[in-house]
Amino acid sequence: MSLDALKSALPDYAKDLRLNLGSVTSTSLLTQQQLWGTVLVCAIASRSAVVLRELAEEADARLSPEAYTAAKSAAAVMAMTNVFHRTRHLLSDPEYGKLRAGLRTNVLGDPGVERTDVELWSLAVSAVNGCGACLDSHERALRGMGLDRETIQEAFKIASVVQAVAVTLDAEAVLTR
């Protein structure tokens, strides 16, 4: 299956998702590396085997080996940090925010690709995982690196479409009669 086959797998009631998946992967303001790294990290964060398999294949064809590995690394680390920081943020006791995290995130310091790209990918995973603290942190970093809001919004637009495709296809796999 390819990107086109993934779009074709969407049921008629999800035509908007089909159109949006085509749009976010073909008319993005992002560089190809930013775009396909974002698609890959969101597919990983979606936890959908079908979506991950198909979009990872597309991303692999468009990313350098270094960028592909860096995107997977960002998704892995953000899976951990999103849970940690979201939990600290949601707890009503602010003292947890003062404690040392003690979690290793070395890959984010030297990801092997542009730091901007990793920040964008981290923001996208944080959107899928719903971590407001991480979203704010990565958005601030990206704005500090000179990215405008329209470019940053591309990342969470991709996140929303990939997540919706994953939810829909996974639901269809269960509900199909």
N, C-alpha and C. Protein backbone atom coordinates (compact mmCIF):
# COMPACT_ATOMS: atom_id res chain seq x y z
N MET A 1 0.85 -1.17 0.00
CA MET A 1 0.00 0.00 0.00
C MET A 1 0.89 1.24 0.00
N SER A 2 0.46 2.27 -0.65
CA SER A 2 1.17 3.54 -0.70
C SER A 2 0.29 4.63 -0.09
N LEU A 3 0.75 5.85 -0.18
CA LEU A 3 -0.06 6.97 0.30
C LEU A 3 -1.41 6.97 -0.43
N ASP A 4 -1.38 6.75 -1.74
CA ASP A 4 -2.63 6.71 -2.51
C ASP A 4 -3.53 5.56 -2.06
N ALA A 5 -2.94 4.43 -1.80
CA ALA A 5 -3.74 3.29 -1.33
C ALA A 5 -4.31 3.56 0.06
N LEU A 6 -3.54 4.25 0.91
CA LEU A 6 -4.03 4.61 2.23
C LEU A 6 -5.23 5.55 2.10
N LYS A 7 -5.13 6.52 1.21
CA LYS A 7 -6.26 7.42 0.98
C LYS A 7 -7.46 6.64 0.45
N SER A 8 -7.21 5.71 -0.44
CA SER A 8 -8.29 4.91 -1.00
C SER A 8 -8.95 4.02 0.05
N ALA A 9 -8.21 3.65 1.07
CA ALA A 9 -8.76 2.79 2.12
C ALA A 9 -9.75 3.52 3.01
N LEU A 10 -9.71 4.84 2.98
CA LEU A 10 -10.65 5.60 3.80
C LEU A 10 -12.06 5.47 3.25
N PRO A 11 -13.04 5.26 4.12
CA PRO A 11 -14.43 5.10 3.66
C PRO A 11 -14.98 6.42 3.12
N ASP A 12 -16.05 6.32 2.38
CA ASP A 12 -16.65 7.51 1.77
C ASP A 12 -17.04 8.58 2.78
N TYR A 13 -17.48 8.15 3.97
CA TYR A 13 -17.88 9.15 4.97
C TYR A 13 -16.68 9.98 5.45
N ALA A 14 -15.46 9.53 5.16
CA ALA A 14 -14.25 10.24 5.57
C ALA A 14 -13.55 10.88 4.37
N LYS A 15 -14.34 11.28 3.38
CA LYS A 15 -13.78 11.91 2.18
C LYS A 15 -12.93 13.13 2.53
N ASP A 16 -13.35 13.89 3.53
CA ASP A 16 -12.58 15.07 3.93
C ASP A 16 -11.18 14.67 4.38
N LEU A 17 -11.07 13.55 5.09
CA LEU A 17 -9.75 13.09 5.53
C LEU A 17 -8.89 12.71 4.34
N ARG A 18 -9.49 12.04 3.37
CA ARG A 18 -8.77 11.66 2.15
C ARG A 18 -8.21 12.92 1.47
N LEU A 19 -9.06 13.93 1.31
CA LEU A 19 -8.64 15.17 0.66
C LEU A 19 -7.57 15.89 1.50
N ASN A 20 -7.78 15.91 2.82
CA ASN A 20 -6.81 16.59 3.69
C ASN A 20 -5.47 15.87 3.72
N LEU A 21 -5.48 14.54 3.69
CA LEU A 21 -4.21 13.80 3.66
C LEU A 21 -3.45 14.12 2.39
N GLY A 22 -4.15 14.18 1.29
CA GLY A 22 -3.50 14.57 0.03
C GLY A 22 -2.97 15.99 0.09
N SER A 23 -3.75 16.87 0.67
CA SER A 23 -3.37 18.28 0.74
C SER A 23 -2.15 18.51 1.65
N VAL A 24 -2.17 17.94 2.84
CA VAL A 24 -1.06 18.21 3.77
C VAL A 24 0.25 17.58 3.31
N THR A 25 0.18 16.58 2.46
CA THR A 25 1.41 15.95 1.97
C THR A 25 1.87 16.51 0.62
N SER A 26 1.06 17.38 0.02
CA SER A 26 1.47 17.89 -1.30
C SER A 26 1.56 19.40 -1.38
N THR A 27 0.94 20.13 -0.48
CA THR A 27 0.95 21.60 -0.58
C THR A 27 1.47 22.27 0.68
N SER A 28 2.33 21.62 1.39
CA SER A 28 2.82 22.13 2.67
C SER A 28 3.85 23.23 2.49
N LEU A 29 3.91 24.12 3.47
CA LEU A 29 4.94 25.16 3.53
C LEU A 29 6.28 24.59 4.02
N LEU A 30 6.26 23.38 4.53
CA LEU A 30 7.45 22.77 5.12
C LEU A 30 8.41 22.27 4.04
N THR A 31 9.67 22.16 4.41
CA THR A 31 10.63 21.51 3.53
C THR A 31 10.25 20.03 3.44
N GLN A 32 10.77 19.33 2.47
CA GLN A 32 10.47 17.90 2.34
C GLN A 32 10.90 17.13 3.59
N GLN A 33 12.05 17.49 4.15
CA GLN A 33 12.51 16.81 5.36
C GLN A 33 11.58 17.10 6.53
N GLN A 34 11.18 18.35 6.69
CA GLN A 34 10.26 18.69 7.77
C GLN A 34 8.92 17.99 7.57
N LEU A 35 8.42 18.02 6.35
CA LEU A 35 7.12 17.42 6.04
C LEU A 35 7.11 15.92 6.32
N TRP A 36 8.04 15.19 5.73
CA TRP A 36 7.99 13.74 5.85
C TRP A 36 8.46 13.25 7.22
N GLY A 37 9.30 14.03 7.89
CA GLY A 37 9.63 13.71 9.27
C GLY A 37 8.41 13.90 10.17
N THR A 38 7.64 14.96 9.90
CA THR A 38 6.42 15.21 10.66
C THR A 38 5.40 14.10 10.41
N VAL A 39 5.24 13.71 9.16
CA VAL A 39 4.33 12.61 8.83
C VAL A 39 4.75 11.34 9.57
N LEU A 40 6.05 11.04 9.56
CA LEU A 40 6.53 9.82 10.21
C LEU A 40 6.31 9.85 11.72
N VAL A 41 6.68 10.94 12.38
CA VAL A 41 6.50 10.97 13.84
C VAL A 41 5.03 10.91 14.23
N CYS A 42 4.18 11.52 13.42
CA CYS A 42 2.74 11.47 13.72
C CYS A 42 2.18 10.07 13.49
N ALA A 43 2.66 9.39 12.47
CA ALA A 43 2.23 8.01 12.23
C ALA A 43 2.66 7.12 13.39
N ILE A 44 3.87 7.33 13.90
CA ILE A 44 4.33 6.56 15.06
C ILE A 44 3.45 6.88 16.27
N ALA A 45 3.22 8.16 16.52
CA ALA A 45 2.42 8.58 17.67
C ALA A 45 0.96 8.13 17.58
N SER A 46 0.48 7.91 16.37
CA SER A 46 -0.92 7.50 16.19
C SER A 46 -1.18 6.08 16.70
N ARG A 47 -0.14 5.29 16.82
CA ARG A 47 -0.22 3.90 17.29
C ARG A 47 -1.02 2.99 16.36
N SER A 48 -1.22 3.42 15.13
CA SER A 48 -1.94 2.60 14.15
C SER A 48 -0.93 1.86 13.29
N ALA A 49 -0.96 0.54 13.35
CA ALA A 49 -0.02 -0.27 12.57
C ALA A 49 -0.18 -0.02 11.08
N VAL A 50 -1.40 0.07 10.61
CA VAL A 50 -1.65 0.29 9.18
C VAL A 50 -1.10 1.64 8.73
N VAL A 51 -1.44 2.69 9.45
CA VAL A 51 -0.99 4.03 9.09
C VAL A 51 0.52 4.13 9.19
N LEU A 52 1.09 3.58 10.24
CA LEU A 52 2.54 3.62 10.40
C LEU A 52 3.24 2.88 9.27
N ARG A 53 2.80 1.70 8.97
CA ARG A 53 3.43 0.90 7.91
C ARG A 53 3.43 1.66 6.58
N GLU A 54 2.30 2.22 6.22
CA GLU A 54 2.19 2.88 4.93
C GLU A 54 2.90 4.22 4.88
N LEU A 55 2.75 5.01 5.91
CA LEU A 55 3.38 6.32 5.90
C LEU A 55 4.88 6.24 6.17
N ALA A 56 5.31 5.24 6.92
CA ALA A 56 6.76 5.05 7.13
C ALA A 56 7.44 4.70 5.81
N GLU A 57 6.77 3.90 5.01
CA GLU A 57 7.32 3.55 3.70
C GLU A 57 7.47 4.79 2.83
N GLU A 58 6.47 5.64 2.84
CA GLU A 58 6.53 6.90 2.08
C GLU A 58 7.63 7.81 2.63
N ALA A 59 7.71 7.92 3.94
CA ALA A 59 8.73 8.78 4.56
C ALA A 59 10.13 8.26 4.28
N ASP A 60 10.29 6.95 4.34
CA ASP A 60 11.60 6.35 4.09
C ASP A 60 12.10 6.66 2.67
N ALA A 61 11.19 6.72 1.73
CA ALA A 61 11.56 7.02 0.34
C ALA A 61 11.93 8.49 0.15
N ARG A 62 11.52 9.35 1.08
CA ARG A 62 11.72 10.79 0.91
C ARG A 62 12.74 11.40 1.87
N LEU A 63 13.12 10.67 2.89
CA LEU A 63 14.06 11.18 3.89
C LEU A 63 15.41 10.51 3.76
N SER A 64 16.45 11.24 4.13
CA SER A 64 17.77 10.62 4.22
C SER A 64 17.74 9.63 5.37
N PRO A 65 18.65 8.66 5.38
CA PRO A 65 18.69 7.74 6.52
C PRO A 65 18.85 8.46 7.86
N GLU A 66 19.64 9.54 7.86
CA GLU A 66 19.85 10.29 9.10
C GLU A 66 18.55 10.95 9.57
N ALA A 67 17.81 11.54 8.65
CA ALA A 67 16.55 12.20 9.01
C ALA A 67 15.51 11.18 9.45
N TYR A 68 15.46 10.04 8.78
CA TYR A 68 14.51 8.99 9.15
C TYR A 68 14.78 8.52 10.58
N THR A 69 16.05 8.29 10.90
CA THR A 69 16.42 7.86 12.25
C THR A 69 16.16 8.96 13.26
N ALA A 70 16.46 10.21 12.91
CA ALA A 70 16.23 11.33 13.83
C ALA A 70 14.74 11.48 14.12
N ALA A 71 13.90 11.29 13.12
CA ALA A 71 12.45 11.39 13.34
C ALA A 71 11.98 10.28 14.27
N LYS A 72 12.45 9.07 14.05
CA LYS A 72 12.06 7.97 14.94
C LYS A 72 12.56 8.24 16.36
N SER A 73 13.75 8.79 16.49
CA SER A 73 14.29 9.12 17.81
C SER A 73 13.44 10.17 18.51
N ALA A 74 13.04 11.20 17.74
CA ALA A 74 12.19 12.25 18.31
C ALA A 74 10.86 11.67 18.77
N ALA A 75 10.27 10.80 17.98
CA ALA A 75 9.00 10.18 18.36
C ALA A 75 9.15 9.36 19.63
N ALA A 76 10.25 8.63 19.73
CA ALA A 76 10.48 7.79 20.91
C ALA A 76 10.63 8.63 22.17
N VAL A 77 11.46 9.65 22.11
CA VAL A 77 11.70 10.48 23.28
C VAL A 77 10.44 11.26 23.66
N MET A 78 9.72 11.75 22.65
CA MET A 78 8.52 12.51 22.95
C MET A 78 7.41 11.63 23.53
N ALA A 79 7.37 10.37 23.18
CA ALA A 79 6.40 9.46 23.79
C ALA A 79 6.59 9.43 25.31
N MET A 80 7.84 9.48 25.73
CA MET A 80 8.15 9.49 27.16
C MET A 80 7.90 10.87 27.77
N THR A 81 8.47 11.90 27.17
CA THR A 81 8.39 13.23 27.79
C THR A 81 6.98 13.78 27.77
N ASN A 82 6.19 13.45 26.76
CA ASN A 82 4.80 13.92 26.74
C ASN A 82 4.02 13.38 27.93
N VAL A 83 4.19 12.10 28.25
CA VAL A 83 3.49 11.53 29.40
C VAL A 83 3.99 12.19 30.68
N PHE A 84 5.30 12.33 30.80
CA PHE A 84 5.88 12.90 32.02
C PHE A 84 5.41 14.34 32.23
N HIS A 85 5.60 15.19 31.22
CA HIS A 85 5.28 16.61 31.39
C HIS A 85 3.77 16.85 31.43
N ARG A 86 2.99 16.07 30.69
CA ARG A 86 1.54 16.21 30.75
C ARG A 86 1.05 15.86 32.16
N THR A 87 1.61 14.83 32.75
CA THR A 87 1.21 14.42 34.09
C THR A 87 1.58 15.50 35.11
N ARG A 88 2.80 16.02 35.03
CA ARG A 88 3.19 17.10 35.96
C ARG A 88 2.29 18.31 35.79
N HIS A 89 1.93 18.60 34.56
CA HIS A 89 1.07 19.75 34.28
C HIS A 89 -0.36 19.53 34.82
N LEU A 90 -0.84 18.30 34.73
CA LEU A 90 -2.21 18.01 35.15
C LEU A 90 -2.37 17.83 36.65
N LEU A 91 -1.30 17.47 37.34
CA LEU A 91 -1.39 17.32 38.79
C LEU A 91 -1.65 18.68 39.43
N SER A 92 -2.50 18.72 40.42
CA SER A 92 -2.82 20.00 41.05
C SER A 92 -1.71 20.47 41.99
N ASP A 93 -0.77 19.61 42.33
CA ASP A 93 0.33 19.98 43.23
C ASP A 93 1.48 20.56 42.40
N PRO A 94 1.71 21.87 42.46
CA PRO A 94 2.76 22.51 41.66
C PRO A 94 4.18 22.12 42.06
N GLU A 95 4.33 21.46 43.19
CA GLU A 95 5.65 21.08 43.67
C GLU A 95 6.31 20.06 42.73
N TYR A 96 5.51 19.26 42.02
CA TYR A 96 6.08 18.30 41.07
C TYR A 96 6.86 19.01 39.97
N GLY A 97 6.42 20.19 39.59
CA GLY A 97 7.10 20.98 38.57
C GLY A 97 8.47 21.47 39.01
N LYS A 98 8.75 21.43 40.29
CA LYS A 98 10.04 21.88 40.81
C LYS A 98 11.05 20.74 40.95
N LEU A 99 10.56 19.51 40.84
CA LEU A 99 11.44 18.35 40.98
C LEU A 99 12.23 18.11 39.70
N ARG A 100 13.43 17.60 39.87
CA ARG A 100 14.28 17.25 38.71
C ARG A 100 13.64 16.08 37.98
N ALA A 101 13.55 16.19 36.65
CA ALA A 101 12.93 15.12 35.86
C ALA A 101 13.78 13.86 35.89
N GLY A 102 15.07 13.98 35.68
CA GLY A 102 15.94 12.81 35.71
C GLY A 102 15.73 11.85 34.55
N LEU A 103 15.20 12.33 33.46
CA LEU A 103 14.99 11.49 32.27
C LEU A 103 15.97 11.90 31.17
N ARG A 104 16.56 10.92 30.54
CA ARG A 104 17.52 11.20 29.47
C ARG A 104 16.80 11.53 28.17
N THR A 105 17.25 12.63 27.55
CA THR A 105 16.75 13.05 26.24
C THR A 105 17.93 13.52 25.39
N ASN A 106 19.04 12.80 25.48
CA ASN A 106 20.26 13.20 24.80
C ASN A 106 20.09 13.35 23.30
N VAL A 107 19.25 12.54 22.69
CA VAL A 107 19.08 12.57 21.24
C VAL A 107 18.56 13.94 20.77
N LEU A 108 17.84 14.62 21.62
CA LEU A 108 17.33 15.93 21.23
C LEU A 108 18.45 16.98 21.18
N GLY A 109 19.53 16.74 21.90
CA GLY A 109 20.65 17.67 21.89
C GLY A 109 21.51 17.55 20.65
N ASP A 110 21.61 16.36 20.09
CA ASP A 110 22.39 16.13 18.88
C ASP A 110 21.65 15.12 17.99
N PRO A 111 20.59 15.60 17.32
CA PRO A 111 19.73 14.67 16.58
C PRO A 111 20.29 14.22 15.23
N GLY A 112 21.33 14.87 14.72
CA GLY A 112 21.87 14.48 13.42
C GLY A 112 21.23 15.21 12.25
N VAL A 113 20.25 16.06 12.53
CA VAL A 113 19.60 16.90 11.52
C VAL A 113 19.40 18.29 12.11
N GLU A 114 18.83 19.19 11.32
CA GLU A 114 18.59 20.55 11.81
C GLU A 114 17.74 20.52 13.08
N ARG A 115 18.16 21.30 14.04
CA ARG A 115 17.45 21.39 15.32
C ARG A 115 16.00 21.84 15.11
N THR A 116 15.80 22.74 14.17
CA THR A 116 14.46 23.23 13.87
C THR A 116 13.54 22.08 13.48
N ASP A 117 14.05 21.16 12.68
CA ASP A 117 13.23 20.03 12.23
C ASP A 117 12.81 19.17 13.42
N VAL A 118 13.73 18.89 14.31
CA VAL A 118 13.42 18.06 15.48
C VAL A 118 12.42 18.77 16.39
N GLU A 119 12.55 20.06 16.55
CA GLU A 119 11.58 20.82 17.35
C GLU A 119 10.19 20.75 16.72
N LEU A 120 10.13 20.86 15.40
CA LEU A 120 8.86 20.78 14.70
C LEU A 120 8.24 19.39 14.86
N TRP A 121 9.06 18.35 14.73
CA TRP A 121 8.57 16.98 14.91
C TRP A 121 8.10 16.77 16.34
N SER A 122 8.84 17.32 17.29
CA SER A 122 8.46 17.18 18.70
C SER A 122 7.14 17.87 18.99
N LEU A 123 6.93 19.03 18.39
CA LEU A 123 5.66 19.73 18.53
C LEU A 123 4.52 18.89 17.96
N ALA A 124 4.74 18.28 16.81
CA ALA A 124 3.69 17.47 16.17
C ALA A 124 3.31 16.26 17.03
N VAL A 125 4.30 15.57 17.59
CA VAL A 125 4.02 14.44 18.47
C VAL A 125 3.28 14.92 19.71
N SER A 126 3.68 16.06 20.23
CA SER A 126 3.01 16.62 21.41
C SER A 126 1.56 16.96 21.12
N ALA A 127 1.27 17.37 19.88
CA ALA A 127 -0.12 17.63 19.49
C ALA A 127 -0.92 16.32 19.51
N VAL A 128 -0.36 15.26 18.94
CA VAL A 128 -1.05 13.97 18.93
C VAL A 128 -1.27 13.49 20.37
N ASN A 129 -0.26 13.64 21.21
CA ASN A 129 -0.33 13.12 22.58
C ASN A 129 -1.01 14.08 23.55
N GLY A 130 -1.34 15.27 23.11
CA GLY A 130 -2.08 16.21 23.95
C GLY A 130 -1.33 16.76 25.14
N CYS A 131 -0.05 17.04 24.98
CA CYS A 131 0.73 17.61 26.08
C CYS A 131 0.87 19.11 25.89
N GLY A 132 0.05 19.87 26.59
CA GLY A 132 0.08 21.32 26.47
C GLY A 132 1.40 21.94 26.88
N ALA A 133 2.01 21.42 27.93
CA ALA A 133 3.29 21.96 28.38
C ALA A 133 4.36 21.78 27.31
N CYS A 134 4.38 20.62 26.67
CA CYS A 134 5.36 20.36 25.61
C CYS A 134 5.05 21.19 24.36
N LEU A 135 3.76 21.32 24.05
CA LEU A 135 3.39 22.16 22.91
C LEU A 135 3.90 23.58 23.10
N ASP A 136 3.66 24.15 24.28
CA ASP A 136 4.12 25.51 24.55
C ASP A 136 5.63 25.61 24.46
N SER A 137 6.33 24.65 25.03
CA SER A 137 7.79 24.66 25.03
C SER A 137 8.36 24.61 23.61
N HIS A 138 7.84 23.69 22.79
CA HIS A 138 8.37 23.54 21.43
C HIS A 138 7.94 24.69 20.53
N GLU A 139 6.75 25.22 20.75
CA GLU A 139 6.31 26.38 19.97
C GLU A 139 7.20 27.58 20.27
N ARG A 140 7.51 27.80 21.54
CA ARG A 140 8.41 28.91 21.92
C ARG A 140 9.77 28.74 21.29
N ALA A 141 10.30 27.51 21.32
CA ALA A 141 11.61 27.26 20.72
C ALA A 141 11.58 27.53 19.22
N LEU A 142 10.54 27.08 18.55
CA LEU A 142 10.43 27.29 17.11
C LEU A 142 10.30 28.77 16.75
N ARG A 143 9.50 29.49 17.53
CA ARG A 143 9.36 30.93 17.29
C ARG A 143 10.70 31.62 17.52
N GLY A 144 11.45 31.17 18.53
CA GLY A 144 12.77 31.72 18.79
C GLY A 144 13.77 31.41 17.69
N MET A 145 13.53 30.36 16.95
CA MET A 145 14.39 30.00 15.81
C MET A 145 13.95 30.71 14.53
N GLY A 146 12.91 31.52 14.63
CA GLY A 146 12.49 32.32 13.49
C GLY A 146 11.35 31.76 12.67
N LEU A 147 10.75 30.65 13.08
CA LEU A 147 9.62 30.12 12.32
C LEU A 147 8.37 30.94 12.61
N ASP A 148 7.57 31.15 11.59
CA ASP A 148 6.33 31.89 11.77
C ASP A 148 5.19 30.95 12.15
N ARG A 149 4.11 31.51 12.57
CA ARG A 149 2.98 30.72 13.04
C ARG A 149 2.40 29.83 11.94
N GLU A 150 2.37 30.32 10.72
CA GLU A 150 1.83 29.52 9.62
C GLU A 150 2.64 28.25 9.40
N THR A 151 3.95 28.35 9.51
CA THR A 151 4.81 27.18 9.34
C THR A 151 4.62 26.21 10.50
N ILE A 152 4.57 26.73 11.70
CA ILE A 152 4.37 25.89 12.88
C ILE A 152 3.01 25.20 12.81
N GLN A 153 1.99 25.92 12.36
CA GLN A 153 0.66 25.33 12.25
C GLN A 153 0.65 24.16 11.27
N GLU A 154 1.50 24.18 10.26
CA GLU A 154 1.58 23.05 9.33
C GLU A 154 1.84 21.74 10.07
N ALA A 155 2.69 21.80 11.09
CA ALA A 155 3.03 20.58 11.83
C ALA A 155 1.81 20.02 12.56
N PHE A 156 1.05 20.88 13.23
CA PHE A 156 -0.10 20.32 13.94
C PHE A 156 -1.29 20.09 13.03
N LYS A 157 -1.28 20.68 11.85
CA LYS A 157 -2.29 20.32 10.85
C LYS A 157 -2.03 18.89 10.37
N ILE A 158 -0.77 18.59 10.08
CA ILE A 158 -0.40 17.22 9.68
C ILE A 158 -0.75 16.25 10.80
N ALA A 159 -0.42 16.62 12.04
CA ALA A 159 -0.72 15.76 13.19
C ALA A 159 -2.21 15.45 13.27
N SER A 160 -3.04 16.46 13.07
CA SER A 160 -4.48 16.24 13.19
C SER A 160 -5.00 15.32 12.08
N VAL A 161 -4.49 15.47 10.88
CA VAL A 161 -4.96 14.65 9.76
C VAL A 161 -4.47 13.21 9.92
N VAL A 162 -3.20 13.02 10.23
CA VAL A 162 -2.67 11.66 10.40
C VAL A 162 -3.39 10.95 11.53
N GLN A 163 -3.62 11.64 12.63
CA GLN A 163 -4.33 11.02 13.76
C GLN A 163 -5.76 10.65 13.37
N ALA A 164 -6.44 11.52 12.66
CA ALA A 164 -7.81 11.24 12.24
C ALA A 164 -7.86 10.06 11.27
N VAL A 165 -6.91 9.98 10.36
CA VAL A 165 -6.84 8.84 9.44
C VAL A 165 -6.62 7.55 10.23
N ALA A 166 -5.72 7.59 11.19
CA ALA A 166 -5.45 6.40 12.01
C ALA A 166 -6.68 5.96 12.78
N VAL A 167 -7.35 6.88 13.43
CA VAL A 167 -8.55 6.55 14.20
C VAL A 167 -9.62 5.96 13.29
N THR A 168 -9.82 6.57 12.14
CA THR A 168 -10.86 6.13 11.22
C THR A 168 -10.57 4.74 10.67
N LEU A 169 -9.34 4.52 10.23
CA LEU A 169 -9.01 3.21 9.66
C LEU A 169 -9.02 2.11 10.72
N ASP A 170 -8.57 2.42 11.90
CA ASP A 170 -8.61 1.44 12.98
C ASP A 170 -10.05 1.11 13.36
N ALA A 171 -10.91 2.12 13.40
CA ALA A 171 -12.33 1.89 13.70
C ALA A 171 -12.98 1.04 12.61
N GLU A 172 -12.66 1.35 11.36
CA GLU A 172 -13.22 0.59 10.25
C GLU A 172 -12.79 -0.87 10.29
N ALA A 173 -11.57 -1.11 10.72
CA ALA A 173 -11.08 -2.50 10.81
C ALA A 173 -11.90 -3.31 11.81
N VAL A 174 -12.41 -2.65 12.83
CA VAL A 174 -13.21 -3.32 13.84
C VAL A 174 -14.68 -3.37 13.43
N LEU A 175 -15.16 -2.30 12.83
CA LEU A 175 -16.60 -2.17 12.56
C LEU A 175 -17.05 -2.74 11.22
N THR A 176 -16.13 -3.02 10.34
CA THR A 176 -16.50 -3.53 9.02
C THR A 176 -17.22 -4.85 9.16
N ARG A 177 -18.34 -4.96 8.47
CA ARG A 177 -19.17 -6.17 8.53
C ARG A 177 -19.07 -6.95 7.26
